[in-house]
PDB file of N, CA and C in Angstrom:
ATOM      1  N   UNK A   1      -2.373   3.939 -13.430  1.00  0.00           N
ATOM      2  CA  UNK A   1      -2.625   3.942 -12.001  1.00  0.00           C
ATOM      3  C   UNK A   1      -1.797   2.866 -11.293  1.00  0.00           C
ATOM      4  N   UNK A   2      -1.700   1.700 -11.923  1.00  0.00           N
ATOM      5  CA  UNK A   2      -0.954   0.603 -11.310  1.00  0.00           C
ATOM      6  C   UNK A   2       0.495   0.994 -11.054  1.00  0.00           C
ATOM      7  N   UNK A   3       1.133   1.620 -12.033  1.00  0.00           N
ATOM      8  CA  UNK A   3       2.529   2.027 -11.866  1.00  0.00           C
ATOM      9  C   UNK A   3       2.687   3.064 -10.763  1.00  0.00           C
ATOM     10  N   UNK A   4       1.705   3.937 -10.640  1.00  0.00           N
ATOM     11  CA  UNK A   4       1.743   4.942  -9.577  1.00  0.00           C
ATOM     12  C   UNK A   4       1.701   4.272  -8.213  1.00  0.00           C
ATOM     13  N   UNK A   5       0.802   3.310  -8.039  1.00  0.00           N
ATOM     14  CA  UNK A   5       0.695   2.602  -6.765  1.00  0.00           C
ATOM     15  C   UNK A   5       1.967   1.805  -6.497  1.00  0.00           C
ATOM     16  N   UNK A   6       2.507   1.155  -7.520  1.00  0.00           N
ATOM     17  CA  UNK A   6       3.763   0.413  -7.353  1.00  0.00           C
ATOM     18  C   UNK A   6       4.861   1.348  -6.851  1.00  0.00           C
ATOM     19  N   UNK A   7       4.977   2.512  -7.468  1.00  0.00           N
ATOM     20  CA  UNK A   7       6.014   3.465  -7.061  1.00  0.00           C
ATOM     21  C   UNK A   7       5.823   3.950  -5.631  1.00  0.00           C
ATOM     22  N   UNK A   8       4.587   4.241  -5.251  1.00  0.00           N
ATOM     23  CA  UNK A   8       4.303   4.714  -3.892  1.00  0.00           C
ATOM     24  C   UNK A   8       4.642   3.637  -2.872  1.00  0.00           C
ATOM     25  N   UNK A   9       4.216   2.409  -3.141  1.00  0.00           N
ATOM     26  CA  UNK A   9       4.480   1.306  -2.207  1.00  0.00           C
ATOM     27  C   UNK A   9       5.971   0.992  -2.152  1.00  0.00           C
ATOM     28  N   UNK A  10       6.637   0.985  -3.289  1.00  0.00           N
ATOM     29  CA  UNK A  10       8.082   0.724  -3.290  1.00  0.00           C
ATOM     30  C   UNK A  10       8.857   1.815  -2.555  1.00  0.00           C
ATOM     31  N   UNK A  11       8.447   3.070  -2.729  1.00  0.00           N
ATOM     32  CA  UNK A  11       9.104   4.156  -1.995  1.00  0.00           C
ATOM     33  C   UNK A  11       8.896   3.985  -0.491  1.00  0.00           C
ATOM     34  N   UNK A  12       7.727   3.535  -0.108  1.00  0.00           N
ATOM     35  CA  UNK A  12       7.406   3.296   1.306  1.00  0.00           C
ATOM     36  C   UNK A  12       8.206   2.111   1.832  1.00  0.00           C
ATOM     37  N   UNK A  13       8.280   1.041   1.038  1.00  0.00           N
ATOM     38  CA  UNK A  13       9.002  -0.184   1.388  1.00  0.00           C
ATOM     39  C   UNK A  13       8.670  -0.620   2.826  1.00  0.00           C
ATOM     40  N   UNK A  14       7.410  -0.993   3.065  1.00  0.00           N
ATOM     41  CA  UNK A  14       6.909  -1.171   4.426  1.00  0.00           C
ATOM     42  C   UNK A  14       7.564  -2.263   5.264  1.00  0.00           C
ATOM     43  N   UNK A  15       8.238  -3.210   4.651  1.00  0.00           N
ATOM     44  CA  UNK A  15       8.926  -4.202   5.483  1.00  0.00           C
ATOM     45  C   UNK A  15      10.442  -4.141   5.288  1.00  0.00           C
ATOM     46  N   UNK A  16      10.890  -3.033   4.725  1.00  0.00           N
ATOM     47  CA  UNK A  16      12.324  -2.745   4.598  1.00  0.00           C
ATOM     48  C   UNK A  16      13.102  -3.850   3.903  1.00  0.00           C
ATOM     49  N   UNK A  17      12.706  -4.171   2.712  1.00  0.00           N
ATOM     50  CA  UNK A  17      13.399  -5.169   1.903  1.00  0.00           C
ATOM     51  C   UNK A  17      14.565  -4.490   1.184  1.00  0.00           C
ATOM     52  N   UNK A  18      15.751  -5.057   1.354  1.00  0.00           N
ATOM     53  CA  UNK A  18      16.941  -4.550   0.665  1.00  0.00           C
ATOM     54  C   UNK A  18      17.744  -5.717   0.145  1.00  0.00           C
ATOM     55  N   UNK A  19      18.128  -5.740  -1.085  1.00  0.00           N
ATOM     56  CA  UNK A  19      17.746  -4.773  -2.100  1.00  0.00           C
ATOM     57  C   UNK A  19      16.293  -5.011  -2.516  1.00  0.00           C
ATOM     58  N   UNK A  20      15.617  -3.944  -2.819  1.00  0.00           N
ATOM     59  CA  UNK A  20      14.209  -4.003  -3.196  1.00  0.00           C
ATOM     60  C   UNK A  20      14.076  -4.213  -4.696  1.00  0.00           C
ATOM     61  N   UNK A  21      13.413  -5.285  -5.076  1.00  0.00           N
ATOM     62  CA  UNK A  21      13.118  -5.527  -6.487  1.00  0.00           C
ATOM     63  C   UNK A  21      11.864  -4.752  -6.856  1.00  0.00           C
ATOM     64  N   UNK A  22      11.767  -4.339  -8.100  1.00  0.00           N
ATOM     65  CA  UNK A  22      10.623  -3.534  -8.530  1.00  0.00           C
ATOM     66  C   UNK A  22       9.291  -4.239  -8.312  1.00  0.00           C
ATOM     67  N   UNK A  23       9.290  -5.570  -8.416  1.00  0.00           N
ATOM     68  CA  UNK A  23       8.032  -6.314  -8.298  1.00  0.00           C
ATOM     69  C   UNK A  23       7.853  -6.974  -6.928  1.00  0.00           C
ATOM     70  N   UNK A  24       8.619  -6.530  -5.951  1.00  0.00           N
ATOM     71  CA  UNK A  24       8.585  -7.150  -4.624  1.00  0.00           C
ATOM     72  C   UNK A  24       7.194  -7.115  -3.987  1.00  0.00           C
ATOM     73  N   UNK A  25       6.494  -6.019  -4.157  1.00  0.00           N
ATOM     74  CA  UNK A  25       5.161  -5.853  -3.562  1.00  0.00           C
ATOM     75  C   UNK A  25       4.053  -5.934  -4.610  1.00  0.00           C
ATOM     76  N   UNK A  26       4.304  -6.654  -5.675  1.00  0.00           N
ATOM     77  CA  UNK A  26       3.356  -6.701  -6.792  1.00  0.00           C
ATOM     78  C   UNK A  26       2.000  -7.286  -6.388  1.00  0.00           C
ATOM     79  N   UNK A  27       1.985  -8.365  -5.624  1.00  0.00           N
ATOM     80  CA  UNK A  27       0.713  -8.957  -5.190  1.00  0.00           C
ATOM     81  C   UNK A  27      -0.086  -7.976  -4.339  1.00  0.00           C
ATOM     82  N   UNK A  28       0.577  -7.322  -3.422  1.00  0.00           N
ATOM     83  CA  UNK A  28      -0.099  -6.360  -2.546  1.00  0.00           C
ATOM     84  C   UNK A  28      -0.600  -5.154  -3.339  1.00  0.00           C
ATOM     85  N   UNK A  29       0.206  -4.711  -4.297  1.00  0.00           N
ATOM     86  CA  UNK A  29      -0.194  -3.590  -5.142  1.00  0.00           C
ATOM     87  C   UNK A  29      -1.437  -3.946  -5.949  1.00  0.00           C
ATOM     88  N   UNK A  30      -1.482  -5.154  -6.461  1.00  0.00           N
ATOM     89  CA  UNK A  30      -2.650  -5.599  -7.221  1.00  0.00           C
ATOM     90  C   UNK A  30      -3.895  -5.610  -6.338  1.00  0.00           C
ATOM     91  N   UNK A  31      -3.746  -6.063  -5.119  1.00  0.00           N
ATOM     92  CA  UNK A  31      -4.884  -6.077  -4.193  1.00  0.00           C
ATOM     93  C   UNK A  31      -5.338  -4.650  -3.859  1.00  0.00           C
ATOM     94  N   UNK A  32      -4.399  -3.745  -3.685  1.00  0.00           N
ATOM     95  CA  UNK A  32      -4.750  -2.346  -3.424  1.00  0.00           C
ATOM     96  C   UNK A  32      -5.481  -1.771  -4.616  1.00  0.00           C
ATOM     97  N   UNK A  33      -5.006  -2.072  -5.795  1.00  0.00           N
ATOM     98  CA  UNK A  33      -5.650  -1.595  -7.017  1.00  0.00           C
ATOM     99  C   UNK A  33      -7.090  -2.097  -7.107  1.00  0.00           C
ATOM    100  N   UNK A  34      -7.323  -3.341  -6.716  1.00  0.00           N
ATOM    101  CA  UNK A  34      -8.669  -3.915  -6.757  1.00  0.00           C
ATOM    102  C   UNK A  34      -9.619  -3.219  -5.775  1.00  0.00           C
ATOM    103  N   UNK A  35      -9.148  -2.896  -4.579  1.00  0.00           N
ATOM    104  CA  UNK A  35     -10.024  -2.241  -3.600  1.00  0.00           C
ATOM    105  C   UNK A  35     -10.103  -0.738  -3.829  1.00  0.00           C
ATOM    106  N   UNK A  36      -9.162  -0.191  -4.573  1.00  0.00           N
ATOM    107  CA  UNK A  36      -9.129   1.241  -4.829  1.00  0.00           C
ATOM    108  C   UNK A  36     -10.426   1.732  -5.462  1.00  0.00           C
ATOM    109  N   UNK A  37     -11.033   0.927  -6.301  1.00  0.00           N
ATOM    110  CA  UNK A  37     -12.263   1.313  -7.001  1.00  0.00           C
ATOM    111  C   UNK A  37     -13.379   1.721  -6.049  1.00  0.00           C
ATOM    112  N   UNK A  38     -13.461   1.077  -4.891  1.00  0.00           N
ATOM    113  CA  UNK A  38     -14.541   1.399  -3.958  1.00  0.00           C
ATOM    114  C   UNK A  38     -14.030   1.977  -2.638  1.00  0.00           C
ATOM    115  N   UNK A  39     -12.759   2.269  -2.560  1.00  0.00           N
ATOM    116  CA  UNK A  39     -12.164   2.837  -1.348  1.00  0.00           C
ATOM    117  C   UNK A  39     -11.698   4.252  -1.633  1.00  0.00           C
ATOM    118  N   UNK A  40     -12.610   5.150  -1.730  1.00  0.00           N
ATOM    119  CA  UNK A  40     -12.272   6.512  -2.125  1.00  0.00           C
ATOM    120  C   UNK A  40     -12.041   7.460  -0.946  1.00  0.00           C
ATOM    121  N   UNK A  41     -12.011   6.929   0.268  1.00  0.00           N
ATOM    122  CA  UNK A  41     -11.661   7.766   1.415  1.00  0.00           C
ATOM    123  C   UNK A  41     -10.322   7.295   1.982  1.00  0.00           C
ATOM    124  N   UNK A  42      -9.629   8.195   2.613  1.00  0.00           N
ATOM    125  CA  UNK A  42      -8.323   7.858   3.197  1.00  0.00           C
ATOM    126  C   UNK A  42      -8.471   6.743   4.220  1.00  0.00           C
ATOM    127  N   UNK A  43      -9.446   6.870   5.117  1.00  0.00           N
ATOM    128  CA  UNK A  43      -9.624   5.863   6.171  1.00  0.00           C
ATOM    129  C   UNK A  43      -9.938   4.490   5.604  1.00  0.00           C
ATOM    130  N   UNK A  44     -10.830   4.449   4.637  1.00  0.00           N
ATOM    131  CA  UNK A  44     -11.218   3.162   4.051  1.00  0.00           C
ATOM    132  C   UNK A  44     -10.032   2.512   3.345  1.00  0.00           C
ATOM    133  N   UNK A  45      -9.341   3.280   2.514  1.00  0.00           N
ATOM    134  CA  UNK A  45      -8.195   2.737   1.782  1.00  0.00           C
ATOM    135  C   UNK A  45      -7.078   2.338   2.755  1.00  0.00           C
ATOM    136  N   UNK A  46      -6.847   3.142   3.781  1.00  0.00           N
ATOM    137  CA  UNK A  46      -5.811   2.826   4.770  1.00  0.00           C
ATOM    138  C   UNK A  46      -6.111   1.512   5.484  1.00  0.00           C
ATOM    139  N   UNK A  47      -7.357   1.287   5.829  1.00  0.00           N
ATOM    140  CA  UNK A  47      -7.734   0.021   6.473  1.00  0.00           C
ATOM    141  C   UNK A  47      -7.459  -1.160   5.560  1.00  0.00           C
ATOM    142  N   UNK A  48      -7.741  -1.006   4.275  1.00  0.00           N
ATOM    143  CA  UNK A  48      -7.455  -2.081   3.317  1.00  0.00           C
ATOM    144  C   UNK A  48      -5.952  -2.300   3.174  1.00  0.00           C
ATOM    145  N   UNK A  49      -5.202  -1.225   3.069  1.00  0.00           N
ATOM    146  CA  UNK A  49      -3.748  -1.343   2.946  1.00  0.00           C
ATOM    147  C   UNK A  49      -3.183  -2.064   4.167  1.00  0.00           C
ATOM    148  N   UNK A  50      -3.624  -1.662   5.349  1.00  0.00           N
ATOM    149  CA  UNK A  50      -3.163  -2.297   6.578  1.00  0.00           C
ATOM    150  C   UNK A  50      -3.470  -3.796   6.559  1.00  0.00           C
ATOM    151  N   UNK A  51      -4.697  -4.152   6.206  1.00  0.00           N
ATOM    152  CA  UNK A  51      -5.105  -5.566   6.178  1.00  0.00           C
ATOM    153  C   UNK A  51      -4.314  -6.373   5.159  1.00  0.00           C
ATOM    154  N   UNK A  52      -4.117  -5.798   3.987  1.00  0.00           N
ATOM    155  CA  UNK A  52      -3.392  -6.485   2.916  1.00  0.00           C
ATOM    156  C   UNK A  52      -1.960  -6.806   3.354  1.00  0.00           C
ATOM    157  N   UNK A  53      -1.267  -5.815   3.895  1.00  0.00           N
ATOM    158  CA  UNK A  53       0.117  -6.045   4.293  1.00  0.00           C
ATOM    159  C   UNK A  53       0.228  -6.908   5.543  1.00  0.00           C
ATOM    160  N   UNK A  54      -0.714  -6.779   6.458  1.00  0.00           N
ATOM    161  CA  UNK A  54      -0.696  -7.617   7.659  1.00  0.00           C
ATOM    162  C   UNK A  54      -0.904  -9.079   7.271  1.00  0.00           C
ATOM    163  N   UNK A  55      -1.811  -9.318   6.329  1.00  0.00           N
ATOM    164  CA  UNK A  55      -2.059 -10.689   5.877  1.00  0.00           C
ATOM    165  C   UNK A  55      -0.851 -11.255   5.139  1.00  0.00           C
ATOM    166  N   UNK A  56      -0.214 -10.440   4.342  1.00  0.00           N
ATOM    167  CA  UNK A  56       0.928 -10.911   3.552  1.00  0.00           C
ATOM    168  C   UNK A  56       2.186 -11.122   4.382  1.00  0.00           C
ATOM    169  N   UNK A  57       2.438 -10.242   5.337  1.00  0.00           N
ATOM    170  CA  UNK A  57       3.727 -10.250   6.020  1.00  0.00           C
ATOM    171  C   UNK A  57       3.653 -10.451   7.529  1.00  0.00           C
ATOM    172  N   UNK A  58       2.477 -10.480   8.082  1.00  0.00           N
ATOM    173  CA  UNK A  58       2.233 -10.728   9.500  1.00  0.00           C
ATOM    174  C   UNK A  58       3.187  -9.928  10.391  1.00  0.00           C
ATOM    175  N   UNK A  59       4.055 -10.582  11.123  1.00  0.00           N
ATOM    176  CA  UNK A  59       4.910  -9.907  12.114  1.00  0.00           C
ATOM    177  C   UNK A  59       5.983  -9.026  11.481  1.00  0.00           C
ATOM    178  N   UNK A  60       6.338  -9.311  10.237  1.00  0.00           N
ATOM    179  CA  UNK A  60       7.328  -8.479   9.560  1.00  0.00           C
ATOM    180  C   UNK A  60       6.772  -7.087   9.252  1.00  0.00           C
ATOM    181  N   UNK A  61       5.447  -6.994   9.171  1.00  0.00           N
ATOM    182  CA  UNK A  61       4.793  -5.719   8.902  1.00  0.00           C
ATOM    183  C   UNK A  61       4.517  -5.031  10.231  1.00  0.00           C
ATOM    184  N   UNK A  62       5.328  -4.034  10.545  1.00  0.00           N
ATOM    185  CA  UNK A  62       5.213  -3.373  11.845  1.00  0.00           C
ATOM    186  C   UNK A  62       4.657  -1.956  11.752  1.00  0.00           C
ATOM    187  N   UNK A  63       4.034  -1.621  10.640  1.00  0.00           N
ATOM    188  CA  UNK A  63       3.445  -0.295  10.477  1.00  0.00           C
ATOM    189  C   UNK A  63       2.078  -0.260  11.159  1.00  0.00           C
ATOM    190  N   UNK A  64       1.623   0.937  11.480  1.00  0.00           N
ATOM    191  CA  UNK A  64       0.306   1.078  12.089  1.00  0.00           C
ATOM    192  C   UNK A  64      -0.667   1.738  11.118  1.00  0.00           C
ATOM    193  N   UNK A  65      -1.880   1.912  11.548  1.00  0.00           N
ATOM    194  CA  UNK A  65      -2.914   2.453  10.659  1.00  0.00           C
ATOM    195  C   UNK A  65      -2.589   3.895  10.249  1.00  0.00           C
ATOM    196  N   UNK A  66      -1.935   4.657  11.116  1.00  0.00           N
ATOM    197  CA  UNK A  66      -1.557   6.024  10.747  1.00  0.00           C
ATOM    198  C   UNK A  66      -0.530   6.033   9.616  1.00  0.00           C
ATOM    199  N   UNK A  67       0.391   5.087   9.630  1.00  0.00           N
ATOM    200  CA  UNK A  67       1.344   4.951   8.526  1.00  0.00           C
ATOM    201  C   UNK A  67       0.604   4.653   7.227  1.00  0.00           C
ATOM    202  N   UNK A  68      -0.396   3.791   7.322  1.00  0.00           N
ATOM    203  CA  UNK A  68      -1.182   3.412   6.143  1.00  0.00           C
ATOM    204  C   UNK A  68      -2.026   4.577   5.641  1.00  0.00           C
ATOM    205  N   UNK A  69      -2.454   5.455   6.548  1.00  0.00           N
ATOM    206  CA  UNK A  69      -3.222   6.639   6.131  1.00  0.00           C
ATOM    207  C   UNK A  69      -2.355   7.576   5.293  1.00  0.00           C
ATOM    208  N   UNK A  70      -1.097   7.692   5.642  1.00  0.00           N
ATOM    209  CA  UNK A  70      -0.184   8.525   4.860  1.00  0.00           C
ATOM    210  C   UNK A  70      -0.077   7.987   3.433  1.00  0.00           C
ATOM    211  N   UNK A  71       0.041   6.679   3.311  1.00  0.00           N
ATOM    212  CA  UNK A  71       0.157   6.050   1.989  1.00  0.00           C
ATOM    213  C   UNK A  71      -1.166   6.151   1.229  1.00  0.00           C
ATOM    214  N   UNK A  72      -2.268   5.943   1.930  1.00  0.00           N
ATOM    215  CA  UNK A  72      -3.584   6.065   1.290  1.00  0.00           C
ATOM    216  C   UNK A  72      -3.777   7.473   0.743  1.00  0.00           C
ATOM    217  N   UNK A  73      -3.371   8.466   1.514  1.00  0.00           N
ATOM    218  CA  UNK A  73      -3.485   9.855   1.062  1.00  0.00           C
ATOM    219  C   UNK A  73      -2.643  10.078  -0.203  1.00  0.00           C
ATOM    220  N   UNK A  74      -1.423   9.550  -0.213  1.00  0.00           N
ATOM    221  CA  UNK A  74      -0.571   9.709  -1.401  1.00  0.00           C
ATOM    222  C   UNK A  74      -1.212   9.051  -2.619  1.00  0.00           C
ATOM    223  N   UNK A  75      -1.789   7.865  -2.420  1.00  0.00           N
ATOM    224  CA  UNK A  75      -2.427   7.185  -3.543  1.00  0.00           C
ATOM    225  C   UNK A  75      -3.627   7.971  -4.048  1.00  0.00           C
ATOM    226  N   UNK A  76      -4.467   8.417  -3.137  1.00  0.00           N
ATOM    227  CA  UNK A  76      -5.659   9.171  -3.539  1.00  0.00           C
ATOM    228  C   UNK A  76      -5.289  10.499  -4.190  1.00  0.00           C
ATOM    229  N   UNK A  77      -4.295  11.191  -3.639  1.00  0.00           N
ATOM    230  CA  UNK A  77      -3.880  12.463  -4.229  1.00  0.00           C
ATOM    231  C   UNK A  77      -3.257  12.284  -5.603  1.00  0.00           C
ATOM    232  N   UNK A  78      -2.669  11.145  -5.841  1.00  0.00           N
ATOM    233  CA  UNK A  78      -2.037  10.909  -7.149  1.00  0.00           C
ATOM    234  C   UNK A  78      -3.064  10.690  -8.251  1.00  0.00           C
ATOM    235  N   UNK A  79      -4.315  10.489  -7.878  1.00  0.00           N
ATOM    236  CA  UNK A  79      -5.349  10.256  -8.894  1.00  0.00           C
ATOM    237  C   UNK A  79      -6.112  11.508  -9.253  1.00  0.00           C
ATOM    238  N   UNK A  80      -5.844  12.622  -8.561  1.00  0.00           N
ATOM    239  CA  UNK A  80      -6.558  13.868  -8.847  1.00  0.00           C
ATOM    240  C   UNK A  80      -5.806  14.700  -9.839  1.00  0.00           C
TER     241      UNK A  80
END
C-alpha cells in the first residue's frame, strides 16, 4: 500500500518539484498512510491530504480540496 501511495503522490507532484526524487514526499506519504486506516471516504481522506500538504509546504502548496479529492479517490480505488 505504501508504494502505491508513493506512486500516486509522486505522479501528482503537488508542488511541482523538478527533478523529483522518489522519496521527496516520503513524510507526507507516511502521514497519509497513517490516516488511511480510518479515512475510508473520499471527503475525509481528501481533507487529511489537504491538511498534510498545507502544513508541510504552506504557500508552495496551491492545490485546493477538489484536487485532493481526485487523489483521495485514486488512493481509495487502488485498494479495491
